[in-house]
N, C-alpha and C. Protein backbone atom coordinates (compact mmCIF):
# COMPACT_ATOMS: atom_id res chain seq x y z
N UNK A 1 104.36 54.23 89.74
CA UNK A 1 104.63 55.50 90.40
C UNK A 1 103.92 56.65 89.68
N UNK A 2 103.76 56.53 88.38
CA UNK A 2 103.05 57.57 87.61
C UNK A 2 101.64 57.75 88.14
N UNK A 3 101.03 56.67 88.62
CA UNK A 3 99.67 56.72 89.15
C UNK A 3 99.59 57.66 90.36
N UNK A 4 100.58 57.60 91.23
CA UNK A 4 100.55 58.42 92.44
C UNK A 4 100.72 59.90 92.13
N UNK A 5 101.57 60.21 91.15
CA UNK A 5 101.74 61.61 90.76
C UNK A 5 100.46 62.16 90.14
N UNK A 6 99.82 61.37 89.32
CA UNK A 6 98.57 61.81 88.69
C UNK A 6 97.49 62.01 89.75
N UNK A 7 97.42 61.10 90.70
CA UNK A 7 96.44 61.22 91.78
C UNK A 7 96.71 62.48 92.61
N UNK A 8 97.96 62.76 92.88
CA UNK A 8 98.32 63.96 93.65
C UNK A 8 97.97 65.22 92.88
N UNK A 9 98.25 65.24 91.60
CA UNK A 9 97.94 66.41 90.78
C UNK A 9 96.42 66.62 90.68
N UNK A 10 95.67 65.54 90.53
CA UNK A 10 94.21 65.64 90.49
C UNK A 10 93.64 66.14 91.81
N UNK A 11 94.19 65.65 92.91
CA UNK A 11 93.73 66.11 94.23
C UNK A 11 94.06 67.58 94.42
N UNK A 12 95.26 67.99 94.00
CA UNK A 12 95.63 69.40 94.10
C UNK A 12 94.65 70.27 93.31
N UNK A 13 94.36 69.87 92.08
CA UNK A 13 93.45 70.65 91.24
C UNK A 13 92.06 70.75 91.86
N UNK A 14 91.57 69.65 92.40
CA UNK A 14 90.24 69.63 92.99
C UNK A 14 90.17 70.51 94.24
N UNK A 15 91.15 70.39 95.12
CA UNK A 15 91.16 71.19 96.35
C UNK A 15 91.43 72.66 96.02
N UNK A 16 92.30 72.93 95.05
CA UNK A 16 92.58 74.30 94.65
C UNK A 16 91.31 74.97 94.14
N UNK A 17 90.56 74.27 93.30
CA UNK A 17 89.31 74.82 92.79
C UNK A 17 88.30 75.02 93.93
N UNK A 18 88.15 74.02 94.77
CA UNK A 18 87.19 74.12 95.87
C UNK A 18 87.52 75.23 96.83
N UNK A 19 88.79 75.38 97.18
CA UNK A 19 89.20 76.45 98.06
C UNK A 19 88.98 77.81 97.40
N UNK A 20 89.27 77.89 96.10
CA UNK A 20 89.03 79.14 95.37
C UNK A 20 87.56 79.49 95.34
N UNK A 21 86.72 78.50 95.19
CA UNK A 21 85.28 78.75 95.17
C UNK A 21 84.79 79.28 96.51
N UNK A 22 85.37 78.80 97.59
CA UNK A 22 84.99 79.28 98.92
C UNK A 22 85.51 80.70 99.14
N UNK A 23 86.75 80.95 98.75
CA UNK A 23 87.34 82.27 98.97
C UNK A 23 86.66 83.33 98.12
N UNK A 24 86.34 83.01 96.89
CA UNK A 24 85.72 83.98 95.98
C UNK A 24 84.20 84.05 96.20
N UNK A 25 83.65 83.13 96.98
CA UNK A 25 82.22 83.07 97.30
C UNK A 25 81.33 82.72 96.11
N UNK A 26 81.86 82.03 95.18
CA UNK A 26 81.05 81.52 94.09
C UNK A 26 81.76 80.31 93.50
N UNK A 27 81.02 79.45 92.87
CA UNK A 27 81.60 78.23 92.32
C UNK A 27 81.16 78.02 90.88
N UNK A 28 81.61 78.86 89.96
CA UNK A 28 81.20 78.65 88.57
C UNK A 28 81.88 77.43 87.97
N UNK A 29 81.12 76.61 87.30
CA UNK A 29 81.67 75.47 86.60
C UNK A 29 82.17 74.34 87.47
N UNK A 30 81.61 74.17 88.65
CA UNK A 30 82.06 73.13 89.57
C UNK A 30 81.98 71.74 88.99
N UNK A 31 80.84 71.41 88.39
CA UNK A 31 80.66 70.07 87.81
C UNK A 31 81.58 69.88 86.61
N UNK A 32 81.77 70.92 85.82
CA UNK A 32 82.64 70.81 84.65
C UNK A 32 84.09 70.64 85.09
N UNK A 33 84.50 71.34 86.14
CA UNK A 33 85.86 71.20 86.66
C UNK A 33 86.10 69.79 87.16
N UNK A 34 85.18 69.27 87.95
CA UNK A 34 85.32 67.91 88.48
C UNK A 34 85.33 66.89 87.35
N UNK A 35 84.46 67.06 86.37
CA UNK A 35 84.41 66.15 85.24
C UNK A 35 85.70 66.21 84.43
N UNK A 36 86.24 67.41 84.24
CA UNK A 36 87.50 67.55 83.51
C UNK A 36 88.65 66.85 84.22
N UNK A 37 88.70 66.98 85.54
CA UNK A 37 89.73 66.30 86.31
C UNK A 37 89.56 64.79 86.21
N UNK A 38 88.34 64.31 86.32
CA UNK A 38 88.09 62.86 86.23
C UNK A 38 88.44 62.32 84.85
N UNK A 39 88.08 63.05 83.78
CA UNK A 39 88.40 62.59 82.43
C UNK A 39 89.90 62.64 82.15
N UNK A 40 90.58 63.62 82.72
CA UNK A 40 92.02 63.75 82.50
C UNK A 40 92.80 62.68 83.24
N UNK A 41 92.49 62.47 84.51
CA UNK A 41 93.27 61.56 85.33
C UNK A 41 92.66 60.16 85.43
N UNK A 42 91.44 59.99 84.98
CA UNK A 42 90.80 58.68 85.03
C UNK A 42 91.57 57.58 84.33
N UNK A 43 91.99 57.79 83.09
CA UNK A 43 92.72 56.73 82.40
C UNK A 43 94.08 56.39 83.03
N UNK A 44 94.67 57.35 83.74
CA UNK A 44 96.00 57.14 84.31
C UNK A 44 95.93 56.44 85.66
N UNK A 45 95.04 56.94 86.54
CA UNK A 45 95.06 56.44 87.92
C UNK A 45 93.69 56.07 88.47
N UNK A 46 92.65 56.16 87.67
CA UNK A 46 91.32 55.87 88.16
C UNK A 46 90.62 57.08 88.74
N UNK A 47 91.34 58.18 88.89
CA UNK A 47 90.80 59.46 89.37
C UNK A 47 90.01 59.31 90.66
N UNK A 48 90.59 58.66 91.63
CA UNK A 48 89.92 58.51 92.91
C UNK A 48 89.73 59.86 93.58
N UNK A 49 90.81 60.61 93.78
CA UNK A 49 90.82 61.93 94.40
C UNK A 49 90.11 61.95 95.75
N UNK A 50 89.85 60.79 96.30
CA UNK A 50 89.20 60.66 97.59
C UNK A 50 89.79 59.43 98.26
N UNK A 51 90.50 59.60 99.36
CA UNK A 51 91.18 58.44 99.95
C UNK A 51 90.24 57.33 100.39
N UNK A 52 89.05 57.66 100.83
CA UNK A 52 88.12 56.62 101.29
C UNK A 52 87.65 55.76 100.13
N UNK A 53 87.48 56.36 98.96
CA UNK A 53 87.05 55.60 97.78
C UNK A 53 88.08 54.53 97.42
N UNK A 54 89.35 54.80 97.64
CA UNK A 54 90.40 53.83 97.36
C UNK A 54 90.70 52.95 98.56
N UNK A 55 90.59 53.51 99.75
CA UNK A 55 90.94 52.79 100.97
C UNK A 55 89.96 51.69 101.31
N UNK A 56 88.68 51.95 101.18
CA UNK A 56 87.66 50.97 101.57
C UNK A 56 87.79 49.64 100.85
N UNK A 57 87.89 49.61 99.51
CA UNK A 57 88.06 48.32 98.84
C UNK A 57 89.35 47.61 99.23
N UNK A 58 90.41 48.38 99.51
CA UNK A 58 91.68 47.76 99.92
C UNK A 58 91.53 47.08 101.28
N UNK A 59 90.84 47.74 102.20
CA UNK A 59 90.65 47.16 103.53
C UNK A 59 89.76 45.93 103.45
N UNK A 60 88.68 45.99 102.70
CA UNK A 60 87.76 44.86 102.58
C UNK A 60 88.44 43.66 101.94
N UNK A 61 89.28 43.91 100.94
CA UNK A 61 89.94 42.80 100.24
C UNK A 61 91.18 42.30 100.99
N UNK A 62 91.65 43.05 101.97
CA UNK A 62 92.81 42.63 102.75
C UNK A 62 94.14 43.03 102.15
N UNK A 63 94.14 43.83 101.10
CA UNK A 63 95.38 44.28 100.48
C UNK A 63 95.81 45.61 101.11
N UNK A 64 96.54 45.52 102.21
CA UNK A 64 96.90 46.70 102.99
C UNK A 64 98.36 47.12 102.78
N UNK A 65 99.04 46.54 101.78
CA UNK A 65 100.45 46.86 101.59
C UNK A 65 100.68 48.32 101.16
N UNK A 66 99.69 48.94 100.57
CA UNK A 66 99.82 50.34 100.15
C UNK A 66 98.95 51.26 101.00
N UNK A 67 98.65 50.85 102.19
CA UNK A 67 97.78 51.63 103.07
C UNK A 67 98.34 53.03 103.33
N UNK A 68 99.65 53.13 103.48
CA UNK A 68 100.26 54.42 103.78
C UNK A 68 100.02 55.44 102.67
N UNK A 69 100.00 54.98 101.45
CA UNK A 69 99.81 55.92 100.33
C UNK A 69 98.38 56.45 100.30
N UNK A 70 97.41 55.60 100.65
CA UNK A 70 96.02 56.05 100.68
C UNK A 70 95.78 57.08 101.78
N UNK A 71 96.53 56.96 102.87
CA UNK A 71 96.34 57.88 103.99
C UNK A 71 97.15 59.16 103.87
N UNK A 72 98.34 59.08 103.31
CA UNK A 72 99.21 60.25 103.29
C UNK A 72 99.21 61.02 101.98
N UNK A 73 99.04 60.36 100.87
CA UNK A 73 99.16 61.02 99.57
C UNK A 73 98.16 62.16 99.35
N UNK A 74 96.91 62.07 99.76
CA UNK A 74 96.00 63.19 99.51
C UNK A 74 96.28 64.42 100.38
N UNK A 75 96.99 64.23 101.47
CA UNK A 75 97.20 65.34 102.40
C UNK A 75 98.15 66.40 101.84
N UNK A 76 99.27 65.99 101.25
CA UNK A 76 100.25 66.95 100.76
C UNK A 76 99.69 67.84 99.64
N UNK A 77 99.05 67.28 98.60
CA UNK A 77 98.48 68.17 97.58
C UNK A 77 97.39 69.09 98.13
N UNK A 78 96.62 68.61 99.10
CA UNK A 78 95.57 69.44 99.67
C UNK A 78 96.18 70.61 100.45
N UNK A 79 97.22 70.34 101.22
CA UNK A 79 97.89 71.41 101.98
C UNK A 79 98.55 72.39 101.01
N UNK A 80 99.15 71.90 99.94
CA UNK A 80 99.77 72.78 98.94
C UNK A 80 98.74 73.66 98.24
N UNK A 81 97.57 73.11 97.95
CA UNK A 81 96.52 73.88 97.30
C UNK A 81 96.02 75.01 98.21
N UNK A 82 95.82 74.69 99.46
CA UNK A 82 95.36 75.72 100.41
C UNK A 82 96.45 76.76 100.61
N UNK A 83 97.70 76.32 100.71
CA UNK A 83 98.81 77.25 100.84
C UNK A 83 98.95 78.16 99.62
N UNK A 84 98.68 77.60 98.44
CA UNK A 84 98.74 78.40 97.22
C UNK A 84 97.71 79.52 97.24
N UNK A 85 96.50 79.22 97.73
CA UNK A 85 95.48 80.26 97.82
C UNK A 85 95.85 81.31 98.86
N UNK A 86 96.49 80.90 99.94
CA UNK A 86 96.91 81.88 100.94
C UNK A 86 97.93 82.85 100.34
N UNK A 87 98.83 82.32 99.49
CA UNK A 87 99.82 83.18 98.83
C UNK A 87 99.12 84.09 97.82
N UNK A 88 98.21 83.56 97.05
CA UNK A 88 97.50 84.35 96.03
C UNK A 88 96.69 85.46 96.69
N UNK A 89 95.97 85.14 97.76
CA UNK A 89 95.11 86.13 98.40
C UNK A 89 95.87 87.15 99.22
N UNK A 90 97.12 86.86 99.59
CA UNK A 90 97.89 87.81 100.40
C UNK A 90 98.43 88.96 99.57
N UNK A 91 98.46 88.81 98.25
CA UNK A 91 98.99 89.86 97.38
C UNK A 91 97.95 90.89 97.04
């Protein structure tokens, strides 16, 4: 279960940074941010942060028992990250 929380937190951080870069119209340190997220969450969960990267090998190998997590887990942190920026920018 720790793996799913780490994956959600990594996805939130990545989408939060990406959305901020779009809103502020600049993306300083994009590669460093992505690398930091990968190094931080890589040892815990593999740092997929992309559902297709995890979903494709599962489908090919026939291990579909966790299919729901690959499809739903990235959505909630992404929506929360975008919602966080809407709150930040409204002030």
